[in-house]
Amino acid sequence: MKTLQFKTNINCGGCIKAVTPTLNQEAGAGNWQVDTANPNKILTVTSDKLTAEQVVQAVQEAGFEIQPA
C-alpha cells in the first residue's frame, strides 16, 4: 500500500460529507481521511491502485481544491 497526501480546502464535516461518495468510490471506504485540525487540511489516501492524479481529479470533480502536500 502506498500513502498519498494532499493539501485541500476540505475543512468541515459538511465538506467531508460532500466528498465522501467520490472518495469512497475511488479509494474505498476506510482508505482515506482528512485532518481538518491541520491548517493545510491534509487528505491522506492509502491505495495500491490510485495515482496522485486520479485523487486530484476526483476531489476537484467534487468541487474542492487540492494539491500535493
Protein backbone atom coordinates (compact mmCIF):
# COMPACT_ATOMS: atom_id res chain seq x y z
CA MET A 1 0.00 0.00 0.00
CA LYS A 2 1.22 3.48 -0.82
CA THR A 3 0.19 6.57 1.08
CA LEU A 4 -0.59 9.78 -0.80
CA GLN A 5 -1.03 13.12 0.96
CA PHE A 6 -2.57 16.35 -0.32
CA LYS A 7 -3.36 19.85 0.90
CA THR A 8 -7.06 20.60 0.45
CA ASN A 9 -9.78 23.08 1.37
CA ILE A 10 -11.94 20.30 2.87
CA ASN A 11 -12.34 21.98 6.24
CA CYS A 12 -15.50 20.78 7.97
CA GLY A 13 -17.87 17.89 8.46
CA GLY A 14 -20.11 19.16 5.69
CA CYS A 15 -17.18 19.23 3.27
CA ILE A 16 -16.18 15.72 4.26
CA LYS A 17 -19.77 14.56 3.76
CA ALA A 18 -19.80 16.15 0.29
CA VAL A 19 -16.57 14.46 -0.83
CA THR A 20 -17.23 11.08 0.84
CA PRO A 21 -19.14 9.43 -2.04
CA THR A 22 -16.43 10.36 -4.53
CA LEU A 23 -13.51 9.24 -2.36
CA ASN A 24 -15.27 6.07 -1.24
CA GLN A 25 -15.83 5.19 -4.89
CA GLU A 26 -12.24 5.94 -5.90
CA ALA A 27 -10.23 4.82 -2.84
CA GLY A 28 -12.70 2.73 -0.90
CA ALA A 29 -14.28 3.43 2.47
CA GLY A 30 -11.70 3.47 5.23
CA ASN A 31 -8.79 4.14 2.86
CA TRP A 32 -8.81 7.92 3.19
CA GLN A 33 -9.14 10.61 5.84
CA VAL A 34 -8.95 14.39 6.13
CA ASP A 35 -7.16 16.01 9.06
CA THR A 36 -9.34 19.09 9.47
CA ALA A 37 -7.36 20.11 12.58
CA ASN A 38 -4.26 20.59 10.41
CA PRO A 39 -4.04 24.12 8.92
CA ASN A 40 -3.38 22.52 5.50
CA LYS A 41 -6.43 20.19 5.78
CA ILE A 42 -4.33 17.17 4.83
CA LEU A 43 -6.09 14.44 2.87
CA THR A 44 -4.36 11.07 3.27
CA VAL A 45 -5.24 8.28 0.84
CA THR A 46 -3.94 4.72 1.17
CA SER A 47 -4.17 2.68 -2.02
CA ASP A 48 -2.26 0.30 -4.25
CA LYS A 49 -4.13 1.31 -7.39
CA LEU A 50 -4.76 5.07 -7.31
CA THR A 51 -2.33 7.62 -8.67
CA ALA A 52 -2.00 11.12 -7.27
CA GLU A 53 -3.54 12.44 -10.48
CA GLN A 54 -6.65 10.29 -10.02
CA VAL A 55 -7.14 11.54 -6.46
CA VAL A 56 -6.69 15.17 -7.54
CA GLN A 57 -9.21 14.75 -10.36
CA ALA A 58 -11.77 13.08 -8.07
CA VAL A 59 -11.53 15.78 -5.40
CA GLN A 60 -11.70 18.58 -7.96
CA GLU A 61 -14.77 16.98 -9.55
CA ALA A 62 -16.36 17.00 -6.08
CA GLY A 63 -15.80 20.77 -6.02
CA PHE A 64 -12.76 21.13 -3.76
CA GLU A 65 -9.25 22.49 -4.16
CA ILE A 66 -6.37 20.04 -3.82
CA GLN A 67 -2.63 19.96 -4.38
CA PRO A 68 0.18 17.56 -3.43
CA ALA A 69 1.35 18.09 0.16
